[in-house]
C-alpha atoms as a PDB file:
ATOM      1  CA  UNK A   1       0.008   0.044  -0.089  1.00  0.00           C
ATOM      2  CA  UNK A   2       1.388   3.472  -1.064  1.00  0.00           C
ATOM      3  CA  UNK A   3       2.638   5.489   1.803  1.00  0.00           C
ATOM      4  CA  UNK A   4       2.437   2.613   4.402  1.00  0.00           C
ATOM      5  CA  UNK A   5       6.271   1.960   4.482  1.00  0.00           C
ATOM      6  CA  UNK A   6       8.856   4.565   5.036  1.00  0.00           C
ATOM      7  CA  UNK A   7      10.925   5.191   2.091  1.00  0.00           C
ATOM      8  CA  UNK A   8      14.990   5.168   2.079  1.00  0.00           C
ATOM      9  CA  UNK A   9      15.279   7.705  -0.698  1.00  0.00           C
ATOM     10  CA  UNK A  10      13.345  10.283   1.610  1.00  0.00           C
ATOM     11  CA  UNK A  11      15.279   9.030   4.732  1.00  0.00           C
ATOM     12  CA  UNK A  12      12.031   8.423   6.330  1.00  0.00           C
ATOM     13  CA  UNK A  13      11.781   7.274  10.056  1.00  0.00           C
ATOM     14  CA  UNK A  14       8.322   7.788  11.695  1.00  0.00           C
ATOM     15  CA  UNK A  15       8.138   8.825  15.368  1.00  0.00           C
ATOM     16  CA  UNK A  16       5.968   6.047  17.043  1.00  0.00           C
ATOM     17  CA  UNK A  17       6.100   6.575  20.833  1.00  0.00           C
ATOM     18  CA  UNK A  18       3.013   8.699  21.489  1.00  0.00           C
ATOM     19  CA  UNK A  19       4.140   9.882  24.819  1.00  0.00           C
ATOM     20  CA  UNK A  20       7.320  11.346  23.082  1.00  0.00           C
ATOM     21  CA  UNK A  21       5.018  12.879  20.335  1.00  0.00           C
ATOM     22  CA  UNK A  22       2.831  14.522  22.894  1.00  0.00           C
ATOM     23  CA  UNK A  23       5.912  16.047  24.708  1.00  0.00           C
ATOM     24  CA  UNK A  24       7.325  17.400  21.529  1.00  0.00           C
ATOM     25  CA  UNK A  25       4.131  19.147  20.518  1.00  0.00           C
ATOM     26  CA  UNK A  26       3.941  20.645  24.237  1.00  0.00           C
ATOM     27  CA  UNK A  27       7.274  21.949  23.858  1.00  0.00           C
ATOM     28  CA  UNK A  28       6.131  24.236  20.855  1.00  0.00           C
ATOM     29  CA  UNK A  29       3.785  26.113  23.435  1.00  0.00           C
ATOM     30  CA  UNK A  30       1.099  26.492  20.685  1.00  0.00           C
ATOM     31  CA  UNK A  31      -2.063  28.801  20.971  1.00  0.00           C
ATOM     32  CA  UNK A  32      -5.109  28.774  18.982  1.00  0.00           C
ATOM     33  CA  UNK A  33      -3.799  31.961  17.541  1.00  0.00           C
ATOM     34  CA  UNK A  34      -0.525  30.678  16.113  1.00  0.00           C
ATOM     35  CA  UNK A  35       0.479  29.719  12.633  1.00  0.00           C
ATOM     36  CA  UNK A  36       2.328  26.593  12.709  1.00  0.00           C
ATOM     37  CA  UNK A  37       4.665  25.253   9.866  1.00  0.00           C
ATOM     38  CA  UNK A  38       5.162  21.468  10.061  1.00  0.00           C
ATOM     39  CA  UNK A  39       8.185  19.827   8.066  1.00  0.00           C
ATOM     40  CA  UNK A  40       7.363  16.288   7.161  1.00  0.00           C
ATOM     41  CA  UNK A  41       3.901  15.434   7.768  1.00  0.00           C
ATOM     42  CA  UNK A  42       4.645  11.764   7.848  1.00  0.00           C
ATOM     43  CA  UNK A  43       1.578   9.655   8.676  1.00  0.00           C
ATOM     44  CA  UNK A  44       0.182  12.783  10.449  1.00  0.00           C
ATOM     45  CA  UNK A  45       0.881  11.875  14.208  1.00  0.00           C
ATOM     46  CA  UNK A  46       2.348  15.392  15.105  1.00  0.00           C
ATOM     47  CA  UNK A  47      -0.121  16.929  12.608  1.00  0.00           C
ATOM     48  CA  UNK A  48      -3.160  15.346  14.361  1.00  0.00           C
ATOM     49  CA  UNK A  49      -1.950  16.741  17.798  1.00  0.00           C
ATOM     50  CA  UNK A  50      -1.331  20.268  16.381  1.00  0.00           C
ATOM     51  CA  UNK A  51      -4.550  20.383  14.659  1.00  0.00           C
ATOM     52  CA  UNK A  52      -6.202  19.890  17.785  1.00  0.00           C
ATOM     53  CA  UNK A  53      -4.865  23.021  19.528  1.00  0.00           C
ATOM     54  CA  UNK A  54      -6.914  25.216  16.950  1.00  0.00           C
ATOM     55  CA  UNK A  55      -3.595  26.725  15.439  1.00  0.00           C
ATOM     56  CA  UNK A  56      -3.580  27.340  11.607  1.00  0.00           C
ATOM     57  CA  UNK A  57      -1.355  24.606  10.384  1.00  0.00           C
ATOM     58  CA  UNK A  58       0.769  24.246   7.145  1.00  0.00           C
ATOM     59  CA  UNK A  59       2.116  20.746   7.095  1.00  0.00           C
ATOM     60  CA  UNK A  60       4.572  20.204   4.203  1.00  0.00           C
ATOM     61  CA  UNK A  61       5.144  16.618   2.883  1.00  0.00           C
ATOM     62  CA  UNK A  62       7.199  15.748  -0.126  1.00  0.00           C
ATOM     63  CA  UNK A  63       6.344  12.330  -0.506  1.00  0.00           C
ATOM     64  CA  UNK A  64       3.002  12.123  -2.838  1.00  0.00           C
ATOM     65  CA  UNK A  65       2.362   8.455  -1.711  1.00  0.00           C
ATOM     66  CA  UNK A  66       1.810  10.003   1.781  1.00  0.00           C
ATOM     67  CA  UNK A  67      -0.547  12.919   0.582  1.00  0.00           C
ATOM     68  CA  UNK A  68      -3.523  11.017  -0.253  1.00  0.00           C
ATOM     69  CA  UNK A  69      -4.149   9.418   3.271  1.00  0.00           C
ATOM     70  CA  UNK A  70      -3.273  12.710   4.781  1.00  0.00           C
ATOM     71  CA  UNK A  71      -5.742  14.796   2.970  1.00  0.00           C
ATOM     72  CA  UNK A  72      -8.337  12.293   3.710  1.00  0.00           C
ATOM     73  CA  UNK A  73      -7.476  12.156   7.516  1.00  0.00           C
ATOM     74  CA  UNK A  74      -7.574  16.012   7.642  1.00  0.00           C
ATOM     75  CA  UNK A  75     -10.327  16.869   5.206  1.00  0.00           C
ATOM     76  CA  UNK A  76     -12.678  18.185   7.650  1.00  0.00           C
ATOM     77  CA  UNK A  77     -10.024  20.249   9.633  1.00  0.00           C
ATOM     78  CA  UNK A  78     -10.505  23.672   8.415  1.00  0.00           C
ATOM     79  CA  UNK A  79      -7.255  24.888  10.228  1.00  0.00           C
ATOM     80  CA  UNK A  80      -4.974  22.288   8.454  1.00  0.00           C
ATOM     81  CA  UNK A  81      -3.417  22.644   5.036  1.00  0.00           C
ATOM     82  CA  UNK A  82      -1.645  19.514   3.764  1.00  0.00           C
ATOM     83  CA  UNK A  83       1.106  20.754   1.028  1.00  0.00           C
ATOM     84  CA  UNK A  84       2.983  18.444  -1.080  1.00  0.00           C
ATOM     85  CA  UNK A  85       6.402  20.315  -1.723  1.00  0.00           C
ATOM     86  CA  UNK A  86       9.711  20.588  -0.559  1.00  0.00           C
ATOM     87  CA  UNK A  87       9.752  22.538   2.782  1.00  0.00           C
ATOM     88  CA  UNK A  88      13.066  23.848   1.807  1.00  0.00           C
ATOM     89  CA  UNK A  89      11.797  25.607  -1.268  1.00  0.00           C
ATOM     90  CA  UNK A  90       9.016  27.327   0.682  1.00  0.00           C
ATOM     91  CA  UNK A  91       8.770  31.050   0.974  1.00  0.00           C
ATOM     92  CA  UNK A  92       6.950  31.847   4.218  1.00  0.00           C
ATOM     93  CA  UNK A  93       5.209  34.849   2.863  1.00  0.00           C
ATOM     94  CA  UNK A  94       3.226  32.674   0.683  1.00  0.00           C
ATOM     95  CA  UNK A  95       1.203  30.917   3.385  1.00  0.00           C
ATOM     96  CA  UNK A  96       1.673  33.620   6.594  1.00  0.00           C
ATOM     97  CA  UNK A  97       1.738  37.430   6.611  1.00  0.00           C
ATOM     98  CA  UNK A  98       3.467  37.277   9.831  1.00  0.00           C
ATOM     99  CA  UNK A  99       5.523  35.266  12.558  1.00  0.00           C
ATOM    100  CA  UNK A 100       5.201  31.493  12.722  1.00  0.00           C
ATOM    101  CA  UNK A 101       6.254  28.380  14.839  1.00  0.00           C
ATOM    102  CA  UNK A 102       8.260  25.586  13.398  1.00  0.00           C
ATOM    103  CA  UNK A 103       8.120  21.856  14.027  1.00  0.00           C
ATOM    104  CA  UNK A 104       9.571  18.628  12.565  1.00  0.00           C
ATOM    105  CA  UNK A 105      11.338  15.416  12.887  1.00  0.00           C
ATOM    106  CA  UNK A 106      14.296  16.099  10.390  1.00  0.00           C
ATOM    107  CA  UNK A 107      16.327  13.787   8.394  1.00  0.00           C
ATOM    108  CA  UNK A 108      20.167  14.015   9.300  1.00  0.00           C
ATOM    109  CA  UNK A 109      20.857  15.081   5.515  1.00  0.00           C
ATOM    110  CA  UNK A 110      18.592  18.068   5.415  1.00  0.00           C
ATOM    111  CA  UNK A 111      19.536  19.316   8.969  1.00  0.00           C
ATOM    112  CA  UNK A 112      22.136  21.790   7.549  1.00  0.00           C
ATOM    113  CA  UNK A 113      20.024  23.210   4.680  1.00  0.00           C
ATOM    114  CA  UNK A 114      17.159  23.515   7.090  1.00  0.00           C
ATOM    115  CA  UNK A 115      19.231  25.426   9.509  1.00  0.00           C
ATOM    116  CA  UNK A 116      20.290  27.814   6.758  1.00  0.00           C
ATOM    117  CA  UNK A 117      16.476  28.284   5.991  1.00  0.00           C
ATOM    118  CA  UNK A 118      15.666  29.068   9.625  1.00  0.00           C
ATOM    119  CA  UNK A 119      18.720  31.390   9.972  1.00  0.00           C
ATOM    120  CA  UNK A 120      17.474  33.266   6.805  1.00  0.00           C
ATOM    121  CA  UNK A 121      13.927  33.722   8.077  1.00  0.00           C
ATOM    122  CA  UNK A 122      15.105  34.091  11.674  1.00  0.00           C
ATOM    123  CA  UNK A 123      13.018  37.266  12.243  1.00  0.00           C
ATOM    124  CA  UNK A 124       9.806  35.376  11.159  1.00  0.00           C
ATOM    125  CA  UNK A 125      10.491  32.351  13.513  1.00  0.00           C
ATOM    126  CA  UNK A 126       9.045  32.774  17.125  1.00  0.00           C
ATOM    127  CA  UNK A 127       9.909  29.265  18.222  1.00  0.00           C
ATOM    128  CA  UNK A 128      10.889  26.003  16.818  1.00  0.00           C
ATOM    129  CA  UNK A 129      10.982  22.337  17.908  1.00  0.00           C
ATOM    130  CA  UNK A 130      13.217  20.341  15.802  1.00  0.00           C
ATOM    131  CA  UNK A 131      14.187  16.668  16.431  1.00  0.00           C
ATOM    132  CA  UNK A 132      17.234  15.271  14.545  1.00  0.00           C
ATOM    133  CA  UNK A 133      20.389  13.009  14.891  1.00  0.00           C
ATOM    134  CA  UNK A 134      21.683  13.479  18.409  1.00  0.00           C
ATOM    135  CA  UNK A 135      25.424  13.939  16.925  1.00  0.00           C
ATOM    136  CA  UNK A 136      24.260  16.835  15.092  1.00  0.00           C
ATOM    137  CA  UNK A 137      21.929  18.306  17.891  1.00  0.00           C
ATOM    138  CA  UNK A 138      24.997  18.151  20.146  1.00  0.00           C
ATOM    139  CA  UNK A 139      26.789  20.373  17.761  1.00  0.00           C
ATOM    140  CA  UNK A 140      24.036  22.937  17.430  1.00  0.00           C
ATOM    141  CA  UNK A 141      23.718  23.361  20.940  1.00  0.00           C
ATOM    142  CA  UNK A 142      27.181  23.206  22.370  1.00  0.00           C
ATOM    143  CA  UNK A 143      29.253  25.920  24.049  1.00  0.00           C
ATOM    144  CA  UNK A 144      32.592  27.423  23.640  1.00  0.00           C
ATOM    145  CA  UNK A 145      35.310  25.140  25.075  1.00  0.00           C
ATOM    146  CA  UNK A 146      33.442  21.923  23.983  1.00  0.00           C
ATOM    147  CA  UNK A 147      34.646  19.463  21.551  1.00  0.00           C
ATOM    148  CA  UNK A 148      31.316  20.044  19.423  1.00  0.00           C
ATOM    149  CA  UNK A 149      31.539  23.721  19.179  1.00  0.00           C
ATOM    150  CA  UNK A 150      31.710  24.437  15.496  1.00  0.00           C
ATOM    151  CA  UNK A 151      30.877  26.881  13.010  1.00  0.00           C
ATOM    152  CA  UNK A 152      27.196  25.381  12.881  1.00  0.00           C
ATOM    153  CA  UNK A 153      26.787  26.253  16.669  1.00  0.00           C
ATOM    154  CA  UNK A 154      28.007  29.797  16.003  1.00  0.00           C
ATOM    155  CA  UNK A 155      25.795  30.680  13.342  1.00  0.00           C
ATOM    156  CA  UNK A 156      22.553  28.912  14.758  1.00  0.00           C
ATOM    157  CA  UNK A 157      23.258  30.700  18.255  1.00  0.00           C
ATOM    158  CA  UNK A 158      23.742  34.026  16.592  1.00  0.00           C
ATOM    159  CA  UNK A 159      20.035  33.639  15.395  1.00  0.00           C
ATOM    160  CA  UNK A 160      18.321  31.691  18.321  1.00  0.00           C
ATOM    161  CA  UNK A 161      18.772  30.635  21.778  1.00  0.00           C
ATOM    162  CA  UNK A 162      19.144  26.844  21.297  1.00  0.00           C
ATOM    163  CA  UNK A 163      18.556  24.071  23.868  1.00  0.00           C
ATOM    164  CA  UNK A 164      18.691  20.396  23.709  1.00  0.00           C
ATOM    165  CA  UNK A 165      15.726  19.030  25.868  1.00  0.00           C
ATOM    166  CA  UNK A 166      15.055  15.195  25.016  1.00  0.00           C
ATOM    167  CA  UNK A 167      17.229  12.238  24.002  1.00  0.00           C
ATOM    168  CA  UNK A 168      15.380   9.683  22.140  1.00  0.00           C
ATOM    169  CA  UNK A 169      16.113   6.179  21.783  1.00  0.00           C
ATOM    170  CA  UNK A 170      16.002   4.402  18.223  1.00  0.00           C
ATOM    171  CA  UNK A 171      13.196   2.337  19.460  1.00  0.00           C
ATOM    172  CA  UNK A 172      10.825   5.125  19.593  1.00  0.00           C
ATOM    173  CA  UNK A 173      10.797   5.288  15.846  1.00  0.00           C
ATOM    174  CA  UNK A 174       9.723   2.936  13.076  1.00  0.00           C
ATOM    175  CA  UNK A 175      11.984   1.593  11.362  1.00  0.00           C
ATOM    176  CA  UNK A 176      14.537   2.153  14.329  1.00  0.00           C
ATOM    177  CA  UNK A 177      17.541   4.179  13.253  1.00  0.00           C
ATOM    178  CA  UNK A 178      20.990   3.113  14.085  1.00  0.00           C
ATOM    179  CA  UNK A 179      21.522   6.350  16.096  1.00  0.00           C
ATOM    180  CA  UNK A 180      19.820   8.103  18.720  1.00  0.00           C
ATOM    181  CA  UNK A 181      18.053  11.330  18.148  1.00  0.00           C
ATOM    182  CA  UNK A 182      17.593  14.611  20.151  1.00  0.00           C
ATOM    183  CA  UNK A 183      14.962  17.501  20.195  1.00  0.00           C
ATOM    184  CA  UNK A 184      16.106  20.858  20.367  1.00  0.00           C
ATOM    185  CA  UNK A 185      14.112  24.194  21.361  1.00  0.00           C
ATOM    186  CA  UNK A 186      14.989  27.241  19.218  1.00  0.00           C
ATOM    187  CA  UNK A 187      13.581  30.456  20.683  1.00  0.00           C
ATOM    188  CA  UNK A 188      13.872  33.843  19.059  1.00  0.00           C
ATOM    189  CA  UNK A 189      16.525  36.030  20.254  1.00  0.00           C
ATOM    190  CA  UNK A 190      17.782  39.808  19.797  1.00  0.00           C
ATOM    191  CA  UNK A 191      19.657  39.562  16.790  1.00  0.00           C
ATOM    192  CA  UNK A 192      23.802  39.944  17.269  1.00  0.00           C
ATOM    193  CA  UNK A 193      24.751  43.016  15.282  1.00  0.00           C
ATOM    194  CA  UNK A 194      26.986  41.508  12.545  1.00  0.00           C
ATOM    195  CA  UNK A 195      27.838  44.338  10.074  1.00  0.00           C
ATOM    196  CA  UNK A 196      29.212  42.015   7.466  1.00  0.00           C
ATOM    197  CA  UNK A 197      27.786  38.792   7.796  1.00  0.00           C
ATOM    198  CA  UNK A 198      29.824  37.069   5.025  1.00  0.00           C
ATOM    199  CA  UNK A 199      33.100  38.265   6.251  1.00  0.00           C
ATOM    200  CA  UNK A 200      32.245  36.990   9.794  1.00  0.00           C
ATOM    201  CA  UNK A 201      31.161  33.746   8.470  1.00  0.00           C
ATOM    202  CA  UNK A 202      34.254  33.399   6.437  1.00  0.00           C
ATOM    203  CA  UNK A 203      36.599  34.283   9.332  1.00  0.00           C
ATOM    204  CA  UNK A 204      34.719  31.651  11.586  1.00  0.00           C
ATOM    205  CA  UNK A 205      35.008  28.682   8.980  1.00  0.00           C
ATOM    206  CA  UNK A 206      38.523  29.493   8.258  1.00  0.00           C
ATOM    207  CA  UNK A 207      39.269  29.196  11.919  1.00  0.00           C
ATOM    208  CA  UNK A 208      37.749  25.867  12.232  1.00  0.00           C
ATOM    209  CA  UNK A 209      39.638  24.704   9.057  1.00  0.00           C
ATOM    210  CA  UNK A 210      41.854  22.578  10.997  1.00  0.00           C
ATOM    211  CA  UNK A 211      40.584  21.875  14.255  1.00  0.00           C
ATOM    212  CA  UNK A 212      43.709  20.671  15.905  1.00  0.00           C
ATOM    213  CA  UNK A 213      45.736  23.553  14.386  1.00  0.00           C
ATOM    214  CA  UNK A 214      46.051  27.069  16.464  1.00  0.00           C
ATOM    215  CA  UNK A 215      43.643  29.905  15.474  1.00  0.00           C
ATOM    216  CA  UNK A 216      46.438  31.906  14.342  1.00  0.00           C
ATOM    217  CA  UNK A 217      47.798  29.247  11.854  1.00  0.00           C
ATOM    218  CA  UNK A 218      44.419  28.550  10.160  1.00  0.00           C
ATOM    219  CA  UNK A 219      43.562  32.260   9.772  1.00  0.00           C
ATOM    220  CA  UNK A 220      46.908  33.595   8.732  1.00  0.00           C
ATOM    221  CA  UNK A 221      46.347  31.195   5.616  1.00  0.00           C
ATOM    222  CA  UNK A 222      43.728  33.748   4.467  1.00  0.00           C
ATOM    223  CA  UNK A 223      45.299  36.383   1.870  1.00  0.00           C
ATOM    224  CA  UNK A 224      45.830  39.727   3.496  1.00  0.00           C
ATOM    225  CA  UNK A 225      45.886  38.491   6.998  1.00  0.00           C
ATOM    226  CA  UNK A 226      49.330  39.167   8.630  1.00  0.00           C
ATOM    227  CA  UNK A 227      50.167  36.730  11.608  1.00  0.00           C
ATOM    228  CA  UNK A 228      51.854  39.180  13.410  1.00  0.00           C
ATOM    229  CA  UNK A 229      49.033  41.629  13.307  1.00  0.00           C
ATOM    230  CA  UNK A 230      46.517  38.896  14.080  1.00  0.00           C
ATOM    231  CA  UNK A 231      48.678  37.930  17.298  1.00  0.00           C
ATOM    232  CA  UNK A 232      48.356  41.878  18.426  1.00  0.00           C
ATOM    233  CA  UNK A 233      44.690  41.510  17.770  1.00  0.00           C
ATOM    234  CA  UNK A 234      44.171  38.316  20.226  1.00  0.00           C
ATOM    235  CA  UNK A 235      46.090  40.234  22.596  1.00  0.00           C
ATOM    236  CA  UNK A 236      43.884  43.114  22.403  1.00  0.00           C
ATOM    237  CA  UNK A 237      40.986  40.964  23.011  1.00  0.00           C
ATOM    238  CA  UNK A 238      42.702  39.133  25.890  1.00  0.00           C
ATOM    239  CA  UNK A 239      42.714  35.847  23.966  1.00  0.00           C
ATOM    240  CA  UNK A 240      45.620  33.403  24.223  1.00  0.00           C
ATOM    241  CA  UNK A 241      47.829  33.531  21.093  1.00  0.00           C
ATOM    242  CA  UNK A 242      47.993  29.766  21.205  1.00  0.00           C
ATOM    243  CA  UNK A 243      44.066  29.241  21.262  1.00  0.00           C
ATOM    244  CA  UNK A 244      42.092  27.168  19.008  1.00  0.00           C
ATOM    245  CA  UNK A 245      38.702  27.933  17.429  1.00  0.00           C
ATOM    246  CA  UNK A 246      36.588  25.886  19.814  1.00  0.00           C
ATOM    247  CA  UNK A 247      37.776  27.896  22.669  1.00  0.00           C
ATOM    248  CA  UNK A 248      36.386  31.160  21.224  1.00  0.00           C
ATOM    249  CA  UNK A 249      32.940  32.631  21.915  1.00  0.00           C
ATOM    250  CA  UNK A 250      30.653  34.226  19.612  1.00  0.00           C
ATOM    251  CA  UNK A 251      31.286  37.629  21.000  1.00  0.00           C
ATOM    252  CA  UNK A 252      35.045  37.119  20.519  1.00  0.00           C
ATOM    253  CA  UNK A 253      34.551  36.006  16.921  1.00  0.00           C
ATOM    254  CA  UNK A 254      32.575  39.069  16.167  1.00  0.00           C
ATOM    255  CA  UNK A 255      35.256  41.392  17.695  1.00  0.00           C
ATOM    256  CA  UNK A 256      37.862  39.524  15.920  1.00  0.00           C
ATOM    257  CA  UNK A 257      36.348  39.805  12.493  1.00  0.00           C
ATOM    258  CA  UNK A 258      35.516  43.475  13.208  1.00  0.00           C
ATOM    259  CA  UNK A 259      39.089  44.037  13.954  1.00  0.00           C
ATOM    260  CA  UNK A 260      40.503  41.822  10.929  1.00  0.00           C
ATOM    261  CA  UNK A 261      38.599  43.834   8.559  1.00  0.00           C
ATOM    262  CA  UNK A 262      39.338  47.410   9.782  1.00  0.00           C
END
């Protein structure tokens, strides 16, 4: 039967533990006045609980074989729209004229593109509850000094206050994946003021180019960055000349990029 079994080409796994499903929906703190975007309707498990809140729900599902069952299931739910399209190609303004909340159980291979999407539309996202592979979740929510601190941690936390709240075992899914998953809460935060985001991202990515190398050695590989001047800037910021990128906070990276560009 079409839509009955998960498809490998969509990296599909369905969250089957009803207790965890309820908890995830509760974490989004939905009210009847909210607009909610759901990434991946699947069998409609999350969809059904969200629909019951009275919120306006746009549920996106790329798998055409699942759409027919979903449309039948929610045919009489006036607050639910089932949309057969790739969420990553979605322009929010097409469906909502204001801010919205976001929820989804995300395949590992689209997590990075989704985060890019979320950062692009950060000013519209009030709150998001995203479940992904635990290893990726640890990187997204990590802190400076952690082995998991990475460019993705910095870029996400520039846009959102991120918290990891639930670890989910493989047995909670069908079929069971080989790894644990984690649920993250993203809360809107006051934007960091970054005048030249492209340059900031360039400096951050270059800093992590070789994790075992010192920050000075990574950044001095960039054209136009003099090693002696860089060491002087680190002194100015009270940073150890022998530090590595994983030790540097968002605020220090912002100051570093600003001084390097000046």
